[in-house]
Amino acid sequence: MLLVISGGHADAITCNEAIRSLAPCVPFLEGSGPEQQPTASCCTGAQDFSQKATNPETRRALCDCLKNATASSPAVPNIKQERVKNLPQLCKISLPVPLDPNILCN
């Protein structure tokens, strides 16, 4: 019998996974598409992100990750903060990490 013990969380999410989960939301967040509401794939990705950010260390790391991604990425320069604020309510979820480029993640 082989027993494997891991100190990590099986449900943890990496920075790259978080960005991929939220990528379908970019057109809505930029207001660049015809969508006035987030798409189903956006809400599914946001929900997946929300469910996997389960511990304080992961949430802090994801906060830094998303803050840096939105601040430095030429791919998402026009994100509208009003849409960011409305995303959790529109997708009927609670995000464990604030999506705010000005937040202190401590």
N, C-alpha and C. Protein backbone atom coordinates (compact mmCIF):
# COMPACT_ATOMS: atom_id res chain seq x y z
N MET A 1 0.85 -1.16 0.00
CA MET A 1 0.00 0.00 0.00
C MET A 1 0.90 1.23 0.00
N LEU A 2 0.52 2.23 -0.78
CA LEU A 2 1.27 3.46 -0.87
C LEU A 2 0.42 4.58 -0.32
N LEU A 3 0.97 5.36 0.59
CA LEU A 3 0.25 6.47 1.19
C LEU A 3 0.99 7.74 0.85
N VAL A 4 0.29 8.70 0.27
CA VAL A 4 0.89 9.97 -0.07
C VAL A 4 0.23 11.04 0.77
N ILE A 5 1.05 11.81 1.45
CA ILE A 5 0.53 12.88 2.30
C ILE A 5 1.06 14.19 1.74
N SER A 6 0.18 15.13 1.55
CA SER A 6 0.56 16.43 1.02
C SER A 6 0.19 17.50 2.02
N GLY A 7 1.06 18.48 2.17
CA GLY A 7 0.77 19.58 3.07
C GLY A 7 -0.07 20.66 2.43
N GLY A 8 -0.21 20.63 1.11
CA GLY A 8 -0.97 21.66 0.42
C GLY A 8 -2.45 21.36 0.42
N HIS A 9 -3.20 22.35 0.01
CA HIS A 9 -4.65 22.20 -0.10
C HIS A 9 -5.00 21.71 -1.49
N ALA A 10 -5.80 20.69 -1.58
CA ALA A 10 -6.18 20.15 -2.88
C ALA A 10 -7.03 21.13 -3.66
N ASP A 11 -7.72 22.02 -2.94
CA ASP A 11 -8.60 22.95 -3.62
C ASP A 11 -7.95 24.31 -3.87
N ALA A 12 -6.66 24.44 -3.59
CA ALA A 12 -5.97 25.71 -3.79
C ALA A 12 -5.96 26.06 -5.28
N ILE A 13 -5.83 27.35 -5.54
CA ILE A 13 -5.82 27.84 -6.92
C ILE A 13 -4.58 28.71 -7.09
N THR A 14 -3.91 28.55 -8.21
CA THR A 14 -2.71 29.34 -8.48
C THR A 14 -3.10 30.66 -9.13
N CYS A 15 -2.13 31.54 -9.22
CA CYS A 15 -2.35 32.83 -9.86
C CYS A 15 -2.78 32.64 -11.32
N ASN A 16 -2.08 31.79 -12.04
CA ASN A 16 -2.43 31.57 -13.46
C ASN A 16 -3.82 30.97 -13.61
N GLU A 17 -4.18 30.05 -12.71
CA GLU A 17 -5.53 29.46 -12.77
C GLU A 17 -6.59 30.52 -12.49
N ALA A 18 -6.31 31.40 -11.55
CA ALA A 18 -7.26 32.47 -11.23
C ALA A 18 -7.47 33.38 -12.43
N ILE A 19 -6.38 33.76 -13.06
CA ILE A 19 -6.47 34.63 -14.24
C ILE A 19 -7.24 33.95 -15.36
N ARG A 20 -6.96 32.66 -15.57
CA ARG A 20 -7.71 31.91 -16.60
C ARG A 20 -9.19 31.82 -16.24
N SER A 21 -9.50 31.62 -14.96
CA SER A 21 -10.90 31.53 -14.53
C SER A 21 -11.65 32.82 -14.81
N LEU A 22 -10.98 33.94 -14.61
CA LEU A 22 -11.64 35.24 -14.77
C LEU A 22 -11.51 35.82 -16.17
N ALA A 23 -10.73 35.19 -17.04
CA ALA A 23 -10.53 35.70 -18.40
C ALA A 23 -11.83 35.90 -19.17
N PRO A 24 -12.84 35.02 -19.06
CA PRO A 24 -14.08 35.26 -19.79
C PRO A 24 -14.82 36.52 -19.35
N CYS A 25 -14.41 37.09 -18.23
CA CYS A 25 -15.07 38.31 -17.72
C CYS A 25 -14.50 39.58 -18.33
N VAL A 26 -13.35 39.51 -18.97
CA VAL A 26 -12.68 40.72 -19.45
C VAL A 26 -13.55 41.55 -20.39
N PRO A 27 -14.22 40.99 -21.41
CA PRO A 27 -15.06 41.84 -22.26
C PRO A 27 -16.14 42.59 -21.47
N PHE A 28 -16.76 41.91 -20.52
CA PHE A 28 -17.77 42.58 -19.69
C PHE A 28 -17.11 43.67 -18.84
N LEU A 29 -15.99 43.36 -18.19
CA LEU A 29 -15.33 44.31 -17.30
C LEU A 29 -14.80 45.53 -18.04
N GLU A 30 -14.42 45.34 -19.30
CA GLU A 30 -13.95 46.47 -20.12
C GLU A 30 -15.11 47.22 -20.77
N GLY A 31 -16.25 46.56 -20.87
CA GLY A 31 -17.36 47.17 -21.60
C GLY A 31 -17.11 47.14 -23.09
N SER A 32 -16.22 46.24 -23.55
CA SER A 32 -15.84 46.21 -24.96
C SER A 32 -16.74 45.33 -25.81
N GLY A 33 -17.52 44.48 -25.17
CA GLY A 33 -18.41 43.60 -25.91
C GLY A 33 -19.84 44.11 -25.83
N PRO A 34 -20.75 43.41 -26.47
CA PRO A 34 -22.14 43.83 -26.44
C PRO A 34 -22.83 43.51 -25.11
N GLU A 35 -22.15 42.75 -24.26
CA GLU A 35 -22.77 42.30 -23.02
C GLU A 35 -22.93 43.43 -22.01
N GLN A 36 -24.14 43.61 -21.56
CA GLN A 36 -24.40 44.52 -20.44
C GLN A 36 -24.41 43.75 -19.13
N GLN A 37 -24.39 42.44 -19.25
CA GLN A 37 -24.34 41.53 -18.11
C GLN A 37 -23.17 40.58 -18.34
N PRO A 38 -22.57 40.06 -17.27
CA PRO A 38 -21.52 39.06 -17.48
C PRO A 38 -22.09 37.80 -18.13
N THR A 39 -21.29 37.15 -18.95
CA THR A 39 -21.73 35.92 -19.61
C THR A 39 -21.77 34.77 -18.62
N ALA A 40 -22.41 33.69 -19.01
CA ALA A 40 -22.45 32.50 -18.16
C ALA A 40 -21.04 31.97 -17.91
N SER A 41 -20.18 32.01 -18.93
CA SER A 41 -18.81 31.51 -18.74
C SER A 41 -18.02 32.41 -17.79
N CYS A 42 -18.30 33.70 -17.80
CA CYS A 42 -17.68 34.61 -16.84
C CYS A 42 -18.10 34.25 -15.43
N CYS A 43 -19.39 34.10 -15.21
CA CYS A 43 -19.89 33.78 -13.87
C CYS A 43 -19.43 32.41 -13.40
N THR A 44 -19.35 31.45 -14.31
CA THR A 44 -18.85 30.12 -13.95
C THR A 44 -17.39 30.22 -13.52
N GLY A 45 -16.59 30.96 -14.26
CA GLY A 45 -15.18 31.14 -13.90
C GLY A 45 -15.01 31.87 -12.58
N ALA A 46 -15.82 32.91 -12.37
CA ALA A 46 -15.75 33.65 -11.11
C ALA A 46 -16.18 32.78 -9.93
N GLN A 47 -17.17 31.94 -10.15
CA GLN A 47 -17.62 31.03 -9.10
C GLN A 47 -16.54 30.00 -8.78
N ASP A 48 -15.89 29.47 -9.81
CA ASP A 48 -14.80 28.51 -9.61
C ASP A 48 -13.67 29.16 -8.81
N PHE A 49 -13.31 30.37 -9.20
CA PHE A 49 -12.29 31.14 -8.49
C PHE A 49 -12.69 31.32 -7.03
N SER A 50 -13.92 31.71 -6.81
CA SER A 50 -14.43 31.96 -5.46
C SER A 50 -14.36 30.71 -4.59
N GLN A 51 -14.73 29.59 -5.15
CA GLN A 51 -14.78 28.34 -4.38
C GLN A 51 -13.40 27.79 -4.05
N LYS A 52 -12.39 28.15 -4.82
CA LYS A 52 -11.06 27.60 -4.60
C LYS A 52 -10.17 28.48 -3.73
N ALA A 53 -10.54 29.71 -3.52
CA ALA A 53 -9.74 30.61 -2.68
C ALA A 53 -10.23 30.48 -1.24
N THR A 54 -9.85 29.38 -0.60
CA THR A 54 -10.49 29.01 0.66
C THR A 54 -9.72 29.36 1.92
N ASN A 55 -8.45 29.67 1.82
CA ASN A 55 -7.71 29.96 3.05
C ASN A 55 -7.05 31.33 2.96
N PRO A 56 -6.71 31.92 4.10
CA PRO A 56 -6.16 33.29 4.09
C PRO A 56 -4.90 33.45 3.25
N GLU A 57 -4.02 32.47 3.28
CA GLU A 57 -2.78 32.58 2.50
C GLU A 57 -3.07 32.61 1.00
N THR A 58 -3.98 31.75 0.57
CA THR A 58 -4.35 31.72 -0.85
C THR A 58 -5.03 33.02 -1.24
N ARG A 59 -5.94 33.51 -0.41
CA ARG A 59 -6.64 34.76 -0.73
C ARG A 59 -5.66 35.93 -0.83
N ARG A 60 -4.70 36.01 0.08
CA ARG A 60 -3.72 37.09 0.05
C ARG A 60 -2.87 37.00 -1.23
N ALA A 61 -2.43 35.80 -1.56
CA ALA A 61 -1.62 35.62 -2.78
C ALA A 61 -2.43 35.97 -4.03
N LEU A 62 -3.70 35.57 -4.06
CA LEU A 62 -4.54 35.88 -5.21
C LEU A 62 -4.84 37.36 -5.30
N CYS A 63 -5.00 38.01 -4.17
CA CYS A 63 -5.20 39.46 -4.17
C CYS A 63 -4.01 40.15 -4.83
N ASP A 64 -2.80 39.78 -4.40
CA ASP A 64 -1.59 40.35 -5.00
C ASP A 64 -1.51 40.01 -6.49
N CYS A 65 -1.82 38.78 -6.82
CA CYS A 65 -1.78 38.32 -8.21
C CYS A 65 -2.69 39.16 -9.10
N LEU A 66 -3.94 39.30 -8.69
CA LEU A 66 -4.91 40.03 -9.52
C LEU A 66 -4.61 41.52 -9.55
N LYS A 67 -4.13 42.05 -8.44
CA LYS A 67 -3.75 43.46 -8.40
C LYS A 67 -2.62 43.72 -9.39
N ASN A 68 -1.60 42.86 -9.37
CA ASN A 68 -0.48 43.02 -10.29
C ASN A 68 -0.90 42.78 -11.73
N ALA A 69 -1.76 41.81 -11.96
CA ALA A 69 -2.20 41.49 -13.32
C ALA A 69 -2.97 42.65 -13.93
N THR A 70 -3.86 43.26 -13.17
CA THR A 70 -4.65 44.36 -13.73
C THR A 70 -3.85 45.64 -13.83
N ALA A 71 -2.84 45.80 -12.98
CA ALA A 71 -2.03 47.02 -13.02
C ALA A 71 -1.01 47.00 -14.15
N SER A 72 -0.50 45.82 -14.49
CA SER A 72 0.61 45.77 -15.43
C SER A 72 0.29 45.12 -16.77
N SER A 73 -0.90 44.59 -16.94
CA SER A 73 -1.19 43.86 -18.16
C SER A 73 -1.71 44.77 -19.26
N PRO A 74 -1.02 44.79 -20.41
CA PRO A 74 -1.55 45.56 -21.53
C PRO A 74 -2.81 44.93 -22.11
N ALA A 75 -3.09 43.69 -21.73
CA ALA A 75 -4.27 43.00 -22.26
C ALA A 75 -5.56 43.49 -21.60
N VAL A 76 -5.46 44.08 -20.42
CA VAL A 76 -6.67 44.53 -19.72
C VAL A 76 -6.51 45.97 -19.21
N PRO A 77 -6.23 46.92 -20.11
CA PRO A 77 -5.97 48.28 -19.64
C PRO A 77 -7.22 49.09 -19.33
N ASN A 78 -8.37 48.67 -19.82
CA ASN A 78 -9.57 49.51 -19.74
C ASN A 78 -10.66 48.95 -18.85
N ILE A 79 -10.29 48.27 -17.81
CA ILE A 79 -11.29 47.69 -16.92
C ILE A 79 -12.04 48.81 -16.20
N LYS A 80 -13.34 48.73 -16.24
CA LYS A 80 -14.21 49.73 -15.60
C LYS A 80 -14.51 49.27 -14.17
N GLN A 81 -14.06 50.06 -13.21
CA GLN A 81 -14.20 49.67 -11.80
C GLN A 81 -15.65 49.49 -11.38
N GLU A 82 -16.56 50.22 -11.97
CA GLU A 82 -17.98 50.04 -11.63
C GLU A 82 -18.45 48.64 -11.99
N ARG A 83 -18.00 48.14 -13.12
CA ARG A 83 -18.37 46.77 -13.52
C ARG A 83 -17.71 45.74 -12.61
N VAL A 84 -16.47 46.01 -12.20
CA VAL A 84 -15.79 45.11 -11.27
C VAL A 84 -16.59 45.01 -9.97
N LYS A 85 -17.03 46.16 -9.46
CA LYS A 85 -17.81 46.17 -8.21
C LYS A 85 -19.13 45.41 -8.36
N ASN A 86 -19.72 45.46 -9.53
CA ASN A 86 -21.03 44.82 -9.75
C ASN A 86 -20.94 43.34 -10.08
N LEU A 87 -19.76 42.85 -10.46
CA LEU A 87 -19.63 41.46 -10.89
C LEU A 87 -20.14 40.44 -9.87
N PRO A 88 -19.74 40.52 -8.60
CA PRO A 88 -20.25 39.51 -7.65
C PRO A 88 -21.77 39.49 -7.55
N GLN A 89 -22.39 40.65 -7.51
CA GLN A 89 -23.85 40.71 -7.41
C GLN A 89 -24.50 40.17 -8.68
N LEU A 90 -23.98 40.53 -9.84
CA LEU A 90 -24.56 40.08 -11.10
C LEU A 90 -24.41 38.57 -11.29
N CYS A 91 -23.31 38.01 -10.78
CA CYS A 91 -23.08 36.56 -10.89
C CYS A 91 -23.63 35.81 -9.68
N LYS A 92 -24.19 36.55 -8.73
CA LYS A 92 -24.77 35.95 -7.51
C LYS A 92 -23.75 35.10 -6.75
N ILE A 93 -22.57 35.70 -6.55
CA ILE A 93 -21.51 35.03 -5.80
C ILE A 93 -20.88 36.02 -4.83
N SER A 94 -20.09 35.51 -3.95
CA SER A 94 -19.29 36.33 -3.05
C SER A 94 -17.83 36.05 -3.36
N LEU A 95 -17.11 37.07 -3.79
CA LEU A 95 -15.69 36.87 -4.10
C LEU A 95 -14.87 37.02 -2.83
N PRO A 96 -13.97 36.08 -2.56
CA PRO A 96 -13.16 36.13 -1.35
C PRO A 96 -11.98 37.09 -1.46
N VAL A 97 -11.77 37.64 -2.65
CA VAL A 97 -10.66 38.53 -2.90
C VAL A 97 -11.20 39.79 -3.56
N PRO A 98 -10.87 40.97 -3.03
CA PRO A 98 -11.35 42.18 -3.69
C PRO A 98 -10.69 42.36 -5.04
N LEU A 99 -11.46 42.75 -6.02
CA LEU A 99 -10.92 43.02 -7.36
C LEU A 99 -10.74 44.53 -7.48
N ASP A 100 -9.71 45.03 -6.83
CA ASP A 100 -9.47 46.46 -6.77
C ASP A 100 -7.97 46.70 -6.91
N PRO A 101 -7.54 47.44 -7.93
CA PRO A 101 -6.11 47.66 -8.12
C PRO A 101 -5.48 48.52 -7.04
N ASN A 102 -6.28 49.19 -6.22
CA ASN A 102 -5.76 50.08 -5.19
C ASN A 102 -5.79 49.48 -3.79
N ILE A 103 -6.22 48.23 -3.67
CA ILE A 103 -6.37 47.60 -2.36
C ILE A 103 -5.01 47.17 -1.80
N LEU A 104 -4.87 47.23 -0.49
CA LEU A 104 -3.71 46.64 0.18
C LEU A 104 -4.09 45.21 0.52
N CYS A 105 -3.31 44.27 0.07
CA CYS A 105 -3.66 42.86 0.20
C CYS A 105 -3.26 42.23 1.53
N ASN A 106 -2.72 43.00 2.44
CA ASN A 106 -2.31 42.44 3.73
C ASN A 106 -3.52 42.05 4.51
